Each structure stands twice: as structure tokens, then as C-alpha cells.
Amino acid sequence: MKFGCFAKATVVVAIALCGGAPLAAASPNAGEPPTARISVWDRLAKCESGGNWAANTGNGYYGGLQFKRGTWAAYGGERFGRYPHRATREQQIIIAEALRADQGGFGAWPACARKLGLPL
């Protein structure tokens, strides 16, 4: 697919980097108001890391949403930094939305998704 200035990119990334519509318009939760969309990620981060978006506990998972480094890199996170815990909350959410869209749910965070009643 071709989205303006990028030949191979997800809709979220293409819109964000091309300076087009707001990210909420391309997110998997586009029908929800931005505050509702983001609050899901805040709830998930609270479960995963106690809400600490800069979490680095030495367990091999990083950031508020506890990304593995390989997952972070695979979904384009390195454009924000080598490690997720060094990226902003908003940048972590961008990568999480790409991961969620690719997997069709919150299966990357199974324990917390179940606890919060989110679709896997």
C-alpha cells in the first residue's frame, strides 16, 4: 500500500510522519474519543508497570507497557529511541497501537488484558 510519502508503512506511522490527520483518526479505536483511547493504555500501563512509563527493572521488559526490546524494534520503536523506557508515553502508545492492530487485540499483554477485560 502507498500512503503519500511512504510506500511501506502502517496507516498510523504514515499519517504521523507525513503530518496528516491526527493519530486518533487512524488508530484501531478511531471511534472513541482520544481520552477514552488513551485511558486504556494508561490502565494497561498501571497494571504492567505500576503506571511508570520509564520503567526499567532489569527483567528484559521496558517502559510503561513492558515491551521486549525486539518487539519495540520490530514495530518501529527505534525511531523514538533504542529502548522503550526512554521514549515518551505518547511514543510508547504509538508503538502499542501498531502492535495491537497487527495482533488484533491486546494479546501482547495477556495477564493484564484479562484482568482489565480487554480482548485478546
C-alpha atoms as a PDB file:
ATOM      1  CA  MET A   1       0.000   0.000   0.000  1.00  0.00           C
ATOM      2  CA  LYS A   2       1.113   3.534  -0.578  1.00  0.00           C
ATOM      3  CA  PHE A   3       0.256   6.325   1.853  1.00  0.00           C
ATOM      4  CA  GLY A   4       1.524   9.576   0.443  1.00  0.00           C
ATOM      5  CA  CYS A   5       5.208   9.847   1.177  1.00  0.00           C
ATOM      6  CA  PHE A   6       5.754   6.230   2.319  1.00  0.00           C
ATOM      7  CA  ALA A   7       5.494   3.072   0.271  1.00  0.00           C
ATOM      8  CA  LYS A   8       5.603   0.614   3.170  1.00  0.00           C
ATOM      9  CA  ALA A   9       4.176   1.804   6.455  1.00  0.00           C
ATOM     10  CA  THR A  10       1.229   1.287   8.698  1.00  0.00           C
ATOM     11  CA  VAL A  11      -1.509   3.865   8.487  1.00  0.00           C
ATOM     12  CA  VAL A  12      -0.620   5.193  11.928  1.00  0.00           C
ATOM     13  CA  VAL A  13       3.040   5.676  11.078  1.00  0.00           C
ATOM     14  CA  ALA A  14       2.374   7.123   7.624  1.00  0.00           C
ATOM     15  CA  ILE A  15      -0.076   9.684   8.924  1.00  0.00           C
ATOM     16  CA  ALA A  16       2.116  10.598  11.899  1.00  0.00           C
ATOM     17  CA  LEU A  17       5.239  11.066   9.788  1.00  0.00           C
ATOM     18  CA  CYS A  18       3.553  12.737   6.818  1.00  0.00           C
ATOM     19  CA  GLY A  19       1.924  15.314   9.076  1.00  0.00           C
ATOM     20  CA  GLY A  20      -1.604  14.362   8.065  1.00  0.00           C
ATOM     21  CA  ALA A  21      -4.675  13.766  10.172  1.00  0.00           C
ATOM     22  CA  PRO A  22      -4.474  13.311  13.937  1.00  0.00           C
ATOM     23  CA  LEU A  23      -3.340   9.886  15.131  1.00  0.00           C
ATOM     24  CA  ALA A  24      -6.740   9.115  16.607  1.00  0.00           C
ATOM     25  CA  ALA A  25      -8.214   9.083  13.107  1.00  0.00           C
ATOM     26  CA  ALA A  26      -6.001   6.160  12.117  1.00  0.00           C
ATOM     27  CA  SER A  27      -5.922   4.242  15.366  1.00  0.00           C
ATOM     28  CA  PRO A  28      -7.767   0.977  15.907  1.00  0.00           C
ATOM     29  CA  ASN A  29     -10.027   2.845  18.352  1.00  0.00           C
ATOM     30  CA  ALA A  30     -10.808   5.695  15.972  1.00  0.00           C
ATOM     31  CA  GLY A  31     -14.460   5.812  17.044  1.00  0.00           C
ATOM     32  CA  GLU A  32     -13.558   6.526  20.643  1.00  0.00           C
ATOM     33  CA  PRO A  33     -12.714   9.986  21.937  1.00  0.00           C
ATOM     34  CA  PRO A  34      -8.929  10.445  22.377  1.00  0.00           C
ATOM     35  CA  THR A  35      -9.232  10.472  26.182  1.00  0.00           C
ATOM     36  CA  ALA A  36     -11.014   7.090  26.156  1.00  0.00           C
ATOM     37  CA  ARG A  37      -8.441   5.640  23.740  1.00  0.00           C
ATOM     38  CA  ILE A  38      -5.510   6.784  25.837  1.00  0.00           C
ATOM     39  CA  SER A  39      -7.069   5.777  29.144  1.00  0.00           C
ATOM     40  CA  VAL A  40      -6.998   2.126  28.004  1.00  0.00           C
ATOM     41  CA  TRP A  41      -3.217   2.398  27.621  1.00  0.00           C
ATOM     42  CA  ASP A  42      -2.906   4.162  30.973  1.00  0.00           C
ATOM     43  CA  ARG A  43      -4.897   1.369  32.639  1.00  0.00           C
ATOM     44  CA  LEU A  44      -2.759  -1.244  30.933  1.00  0.00           C
ATOM     45  CA  ALA A  45       0.457   0.556  31.957  1.00  0.00           C
ATOM     46  CA  LYS A  46      -0.784   0.774  35.549  1.00  0.00           C
ATOM     47  CA  CYS A  47      -1.214  -2.998  35.536  1.00  0.00           C
ATOM     48  CA  GLU A  48       2.042  -3.749  33.681  1.00  0.00           C
ATOM     49  CA  SER A  49       4.433  -1.314  35.365  1.00  0.00           C
ATOM     50  CA  GLY A  50       2.523   0.482  38.091  1.00  0.00           C
ATOM     51  CA  GLY A  51       1.996   3.293  35.583  1.00  0.00           C
ATOM     52  CA  ASN A  52       5.719   4.041  35.348  1.00  0.00           C
ATOM     53  CA  TRP A  53       6.337   4.887  31.674  1.00  0.00           C
ATOM     54  CA  ALA A  54      10.103   4.972  32.366  1.00  0.00           C
ATOM     55  CA  ALA A  55      10.198   1.512  33.990  1.00  0.00           C
ATOM     56  CA  ASN A  56      13.451  -0.430  33.604  1.00  0.00           C
ATOM     57  CA  THR A  57      13.603  -3.052  36.329  1.00  0.00           C
ATOM     58  CA  GLY A  58      16.222  -5.268  34.685  1.00  0.00           C
ATOM     59  CA  ASN A  59      13.739  -8.026  33.779  1.00  0.00           C
ATOM     60  CA  GLY A  60      14.128  -7.601  29.994  1.00  0.00           C
ATOM     61  CA  TYR A  61      10.918  -5.588  29.632  1.00  0.00           C
ATOM     62  CA  TYR A  62      10.889  -1.821  29.338  1.00  0.00           C
ATOM     63  CA  GLY A  63       8.584   1.157  29.625  1.00  0.00           C
ATOM     64  CA  GLY A  64       5.052   1.563  30.848  1.00  0.00           C
ATOM     65  CA  LEU A  65       3.748  -1.215  28.634  1.00  0.00           C
ATOM     66  CA  GLN A  66       6.709  -3.527  29.291  1.00  0.00           C
ATOM     67  CA  PHE A  67       7.946  -4.038  25.741  1.00  0.00           C
ATOM     68  CA  LYS A  68      10.686  -6.535  24.966  1.00  0.00           C
ATOM     69  CA  ARG A  69      13.432  -4.803  23.004  1.00  0.00           C
ATOM     70  CA  GLY A  70      12.883  -6.991  19.960  1.00  0.00           C
ATOM     71  CA  THR A  71       9.171  -6.189  19.853  1.00  0.00           C
ATOM     72  CA  TRP A  72       9.903  -2.493  20.238  1.00  0.00           C
ATOM     73  CA  ALA A  73      12.314  -2.604  17.300  1.00  0.00           C
ATOM     74  CA  ALA A  74      10.029  -4.785  15.139  1.00  0.00           C
ATOM     75  CA  TYR A  75       7.189  -2.259  15.375  1.00  0.00           C
ATOM     76  CA  GLY A  76       9.311   0.788  14.643  1.00  0.00           C
ATOM     77  CA  GLY A  77      10.051   1.939  18.162  1.00  0.00           C
ATOM     78  CA  GLU A  78      13.729   2.596  17.477  1.00  0.00           C
ATOM     79  CA  ARG A  79      12.814   5.795  15.675  1.00  0.00           C
ATOM     80  CA  PHE A  80      11.976   7.076  19.178  1.00  0.00           C
ATOM     81  CA  GLY A  81      14.965   5.521  20.905  1.00  0.00           C
ATOM     82  CA  ARG A  82      16.759   2.226  21.323  1.00  0.00           C
ATOM     83  CA  TYR A  83      14.846   1.336  24.493  1.00  0.00           C
ATOM     84  CA  PRO A  84      11.135   1.813  25.206  1.00  0.00           C
ATOM     85  CA  HIS A  85      11.625   3.225  28.699  1.00  0.00           C
ATOM     86  CA  ARG A  86      13.459   6.206  27.184  1.00  0.00           C
ATOM     87  CA  ALA A  87      10.530   7.052  24.889  1.00  0.00           C
ATOM     88  CA  THR A  88       7.633   9.248  25.951  1.00  0.00           C
ATOM     89  CA  ARG A  89       4.281   7.871  27.000  1.00  0.00           C
ATOM     90  CA  GLU A  90       2.793   9.013  23.696  1.00  0.00           C
ATOM     91  CA  GLN A  91       5.554   7.337  21.675  1.00  0.00           C
ATOM     92  CA  GLN A  92       5.051   4.085  23.579  1.00  0.00           C
ATOM     93  CA  ILE A  93       1.326   4.277  22.847  1.00  0.00           C
ATOM     94  CA  ILE A  94       2.013   4.735  19.111  1.00  0.00           C
ATOM     95  CA  ILE A  95       4.035   1.508  19.067  1.00  0.00           C
ATOM     96  CA  ALA A  96       1.482  -0.284  21.253  1.00  0.00           C
ATOM     97  CA  GLU A  97      -1.312   0.684  18.847  1.00  0.00           C
ATOM     98  CA  ALA A  98       0.677  -0.699  15.919  1.00  0.00           C
ATOM     99  CA  LEU A  99       1.285  -3.940  17.836  1.00  0.00           C
ATOM    100  CA  ARG A 100      -2.362  -4.181  18.849  1.00  0.00           C
ATOM    101  CA  ALA A 101      -3.544  -3.563  15.275  1.00  0.00           C
ATOM    102  CA  ASP A 102      -1.188  -6.237  13.957  1.00  0.00           C
ATOM    103  CA  GLN A 103      -2.280  -8.816  16.532  1.00  0.00           C
ATOM    104  CA  GLY A 104      -5.964  -7.874  16.521  1.00  0.00           C
ATOM    105  CA  GLY A 105      -6.212  -7.322  20.265  1.00  0.00           C
ATOM    106  CA  PHE A 106      -4.284  -6.944  23.495  1.00  0.00           C
ATOM    107  CA  GLY A 107      -2.700 -10.424  23.348  1.00  0.00           C
ATOM    108  CA  ALA A 108       0.786  -8.956  23.791  1.00  0.00           C
ATOM    109  CA  TRP A 109      -0.263  -8.166  27.374  1.00  0.00           C
ATOM    110  CA  PRO A 110      -2.263 -11.318  28.226  1.00  0.00           C
ATOM    111  CA  ALA A 111      -2.357 -11.222  32.026  1.00  0.00           C
ATOM    112  CA  CYS A 112      -3.261  -7.554  32.312  1.00  0.00           C
ATOM    113  CA  ALA A 113      -5.635  -7.711  29.332  1.00  0.00           C
ATOM    114  CA  ARG A 114      -7.573 -10.494  31.065  1.00  0.00           C
ATOM    115  CA  LYS A 115      -7.520  -8.624  34.379  1.00  0.00           C
ATOM    116  CA  LEU A 116      -8.862  -5.470  32.669  1.00  0.00           C
ATOM    117  CA  GLY A 117     -11.381  -7.320  30.482  1.00  0.00           C
ATOM    118  CA  LEU A 118      -9.687  -6.323  27.212  1.00  0.00           C
ATOM    119  CA  PRO A 119      -9.993  -8.503  24.101  1.00  0.00           C
ATOM    120  CA  LEU A 120      -7.036 -10.757  23.426  1.00  0.00           C
END
